[in-house]
Every structure is written in C-alpha cells, then in structure tokens.
Amino acid sequence: MTLLQRLLTLSAFATSTCFGQAAGQERAVLQALDRFFHAMTERDTALMASTVVREGDLHIIQAEASSPVRTVSFMDYLARLAQGKERLVERYWDARIQVSGPIATATMPYDFHIDGVLSHCGIDVFTLVNDGVWRIASVSFTRQVEGCPESPLGPLKE
C-alpha cells in the first residue's frame, strides 16, 4: 500500500468515526429532549428536574403580538407543572441539532395539545449543556395560536 493510499484510508476512517460520534451525540441530545417532553406529559417533576439545568429558564414569544418576551425559570415551571391537571402533549419534527463539544442547540417546529386539543404551535429553540449528561439550559419558543400548519405527524393519537 502506498503512502497516499494509507493516508486516504486513514482519512476515510477518521471521517466516518467523526460522523458516527456526531450522530451519537445528536441522538443523545434528542433523547434528552424526549425525556423533557415525556416528563411534561406525565407531570413527572423529578424526571423534569433531571433534564434541565436548575438555573435555566424558558423564554416565551407570542407570535401574533408585539408583547415582550415572557421568561419563566425552570424552578417556577416545575412548580406550575406539579399543580396542573390537564394532559399536555408537545410534538416536534424536523429537528436540527448542532453539537460543539459540551454545548448543543436544537431547533424544530412543534405543536402543543392540551387535553387532546391543539392549543398552539411554533418553533422551539433549545440550548443544552453536557456535564456528563445532556441537560437543557434554556428554551425559547414562539407561541402561535392561530394559523398553525398541519403537522406532518398527523392528528394527535392519545
């Protein structure tokens, strides 16, 4: 095998290894998001707390209004989650994940249902950090009440 062939083989191996590691990290980020949404639906505050950075927060942007951004700390959100009774289901699709070392972002369209009825839709933007496990540091999302496009996931199945 020539030196050039060895270098090409090594390069191909390194590239496939990097892509494999990146895909694994992206899957891990999506798993963290799925745990977050599962915890919300189940109103499992212990599980929810394990998916977020304690000092993190949510930023809510009303799509139809020029109202200011509303910010809620994760700790306040957990308290509200524990008090509620409605069944909350958020679905997302077409997630775009970027990972750079111990930080990641995830952006995706979503729809949100309360007791089986579409409440709103929009775009979610998550920032995650990895301190041994991926945790959500912040969530920003638009909240659109009217004119939600039909989800590619079809109707909500309960």
Protein backbone atom coordinates (compact mmCIF):
# COMPACT_ATOMS: atom_id res chain seq x y z
CA MET A 1 0.00 0.00 0.00
CA THR A 2 1.43 3.37 -0.96
CA LEU A 3 1.70 6.29 1.42
CA LEU A 4 -1.10 8.08 -0.45
CA GLN A 5 -3.39 5.03 -0.13
CA ARG A 6 -2.64 4.80 3.59
CA LEU A 7 -3.42 8.49 4.08
CA LEU A 8 -6.68 8.18 2.15
CA THR A 9 -7.69 5.11 4.16
CA LEU A 10 -6.84 6.85 7.43
CA SER A 11 -8.74 9.96 6.34
CA ALA A 12 -11.82 7.91 5.41
CA PHE A 13 -11.69 6.10 8.78
CA ALA A 14 -11.30 9.36 10.73
CA THR A 15 -14.18 10.96 8.81
CA SER A 16 -16.54 8.01 9.40
CA THR A 17 -15.56 7.92 13.08
CA CYS A 18 -16.28 11.65 13.48
CA PHE A 19 -19.63 11.33 11.71
CA GLY A 20 -20.50 8.35 13.90
CA GLN A 21 -19.62 10.25 17.06
CA ALA A 22 -21.59 13.31 15.89
CA ALA A 23 -24.63 11.17 15.10
CA GLY A 24 -24.35 9.58 18.55
CA GLN A 25 -24.23 12.99 20.21
CA GLU A 26 -27.23 14.19 18.18
CA ARG A 27 -29.18 11.10 19.25
CA ALA A 28 -28.25 11.79 22.88
CA VAL A 29 -29.49 15.39 22.55
CA LEU A 30 -32.79 14.18 21.06
CA GLN A 31 -33.13 11.65 23.88
CA ALA A 32 -32.74 14.48 26.42
CA LEU A 33 -35.49 16.42 24.65
CA ASP A 34 -37.73 13.37 24.54
CA ARG A 35 -37.26 12.85 28.30
CA PHE A 36 -38.18 16.53 28.85
CA PHE A 37 -41.42 16.19 26.86
CA HIS A 38 -42.25 12.83 28.42
CA ALA A 39 -41.79 14.34 31.88
CA MET A 40 -44.09 17.23 30.92
CA THR A 41 -46.81 14.88 29.65
CA GLU A 42 -46.56 12.67 32.73
CA ARG A 43 -46.22 15.72 35.02
CA ASP A 44 -43.19 13.98 36.50
CA THR A 45 -41.35 16.85 38.17
CA ALA A 46 -38.48 14.65 39.39
CA LEU A 47 -37.77 13.47 35.85
CA MET A 48 -38.24 17.00 34.52
CA ALA A 49 -35.77 18.38 37.07
CA SER A 50 -33.20 15.81 35.93
CA THR A 51 -33.46 17.04 32.32
CA VAL A 52 -32.76 20.72 32.97
CA VAL A 53 -30.07 22.95 34.41
CA ARG A 54 -31.53 24.17 37.70
CA GLU A 55 -30.76 27.83 36.96
CA GLY A 56 -32.17 27.66 33.40
CA ASP A 57 -35.28 29.26 32.02
CA LEU A 58 -37.94 29.37 29.33
CA HIS A 59 -38.49 32.36 27.04
CA ILE A 60 -41.97 32.61 25.53
CA ILE A 61 -42.55 34.80 22.49
CA GLN A 62 -46.14 35.38 21.37
CA ALA A 63 -46.10 35.11 17.57
CA GLU A 64 -49.23 37.22 16.99
CA ALA A 65 -48.49 40.04 19.40
CA SER A 66 -45.83 42.63 19.93
CA SER A 67 -45.78 41.83 23.64
CA PRO A 68 -42.43 41.50 25.38
CA VAL A 69 -40.74 38.17 25.86
CA ARG A 70 -42.04 36.37 28.94
CA THR A 71 -39.41 34.50 30.95
CA VAL A 72 -40.14 31.69 33.40
CA SER A 73 -37.44 29.96 35.44
CA PHE A 74 -37.31 26.18 35.26
CA MET A 75 -38.00 26.06 39.00
CA ASP A 76 -41.21 28.10 38.55
CA TYR A 77 -42.14 25.91 35.60
CA LEU A 78 -41.69 22.77 37.71
CA ALA A 79 -43.99 24.22 40.39
CA ARG A 80 -46.65 25.02 37.77
CA LEU A 81 -46.29 21.58 36.23
CA ALA A 82 -46.89 19.93 39.61
CA GLN A 83 -50.08 21.95 40.18
CA GLY A 84 -51.75 21.37 36.81
CA LYS A 85 -54.18 18.63 35.91
CA GLU A 86 -54.52 18.91 32.12
CA ARG A 87 -52.77 16.44 29.83
CA LEU A 88 -50.02 18.28 27.98
CA VAL A 89 -48.53 16.83 24.80
CA GLU A 90 -45.90 18.56 22.70
CA ARG A 91 -44.73 17.00 19.44
CA TYR A 92 -41.83 18.11 17.28
CA TRP A 93 -40.39 17.18 13.91
CA ASP A 94 -37.53 18.09 11.58
CA ALA A 95 -35.16 18.74 14.48
CA ARG A 96 -31.92 20.45 13.54
CA ILE A 97 -29.19 19.63 16.02
CA GLN A 98 -25.77 21.24 16.29
CA VAL A 99 -23.21 19.91 18.74
CA SER A 100 -19.90 21.53 19.59
CA GLY A 101 -18.17 19.76 22.43
CA PRO A 102 -20.22 20.15 25.61
CA ILE A 103 -22.83 22.51 24.11
CA ALA A 104 -25.65 21.84 21.67
CA THR A 105 -28.62 23.58 20.12
CA ALA A 106 -31.82 22.04 18.82
CA THR A 107 -34.34 23.90 16.68
CA MET A 108 -37.61 22.44 15.49
CA PRO A 109 -41.24 23.19 14.68
CA TYR A 110 -43.75 21.87 17.20
CA ASP A 111 -47.42 21.61 18.06
CA PHE A 112 -48.83 21.66 21.58
CA HIS A 113 -52.03 19.96 22.76
CA ILE A 114 -53.96 20.37 25.98
CA ASP A 115 -56.33 17.52 26.80
CA GLY A 116 -56.11 16.34 23.20
CA VAL A 117 -56.95 19.71 21.62
CA LEU A 118 -54.43 21.75 19.64
CA SER A 119 -53.53 24.80 21.74
CA HIS A 120 -50.72 26.38 19.75
CA CYS A 121 -47.69 25.76 17.58
CA GLY A 122 -44.39 27.43 16.81
CA ILE A 123 -40.65 26.97 16.79
CA ASP A 124 -38.64 25.63 19.73
CA VAL A 125 -35.01 26.55 20.28
CA PHE A 126 -33.19 24.57 22.97
CA THR A 127 -29.70 25.16 24.32
CA LEU A 128 -28.20 22.15 26.07
CA VAL A 129 -25.00 21.55 28.01
CA ASN A 130 -23.25 18.29 28.72
CA ASP A 131 -21.90 17.83 32.25
CA GLY A 132 -21.73 14.07 31.83
CA VAL A 133 -25.32 14.00 30.58
CA TRP A 134 -27.14 16.38 28.22
CA ARG A 135 -29.29 18.88 30.15
CA ILE A 136 -31.42 21.72 28.87
CA ALA A 137 -30.01 25.11 29.85
CA SER A 138 -32.67 27.23 28.16
CA VAL A 139 -35.71 27.01 25.94
CA SER A 140 -37.02 29.79 23.71
CA PHE A 141 -40.17 29.29 21.71
CA THR A 142 -42.70 31.12 19.65
CA ARG A 143 -46.31 30.60 20.63
CA GLN A 144 -48.66 30.85 17.64
CA VAL A 145 -52.35 30.38 18.46
CA GLU A 146 -53.91 30.90 15.02
CA GLY A 147 -52.98 29.57 11.60
CA CYS A 148 -50.96 26.57 12.74
CA PRO A 149 -49.93 24.47 9.76
CA GLU A 150 -50.97 20.83 9.71
CA SER A 151 -48.37 18.68 11.43
CA PRO A 152 -46.53 16.11 9.30
CA LEU A 153 -47.12 13.79 12.27
CA GLY A 154 -50.85 13.77 11.56
CA PRO A 155 -53.56 14.06 14.19
CA LEU A 156 -52.64 13.56 17.83
CA LYS A 157 -53.10 9.94 18.89
CA GLU A 158 -53.94 9.53 22.54
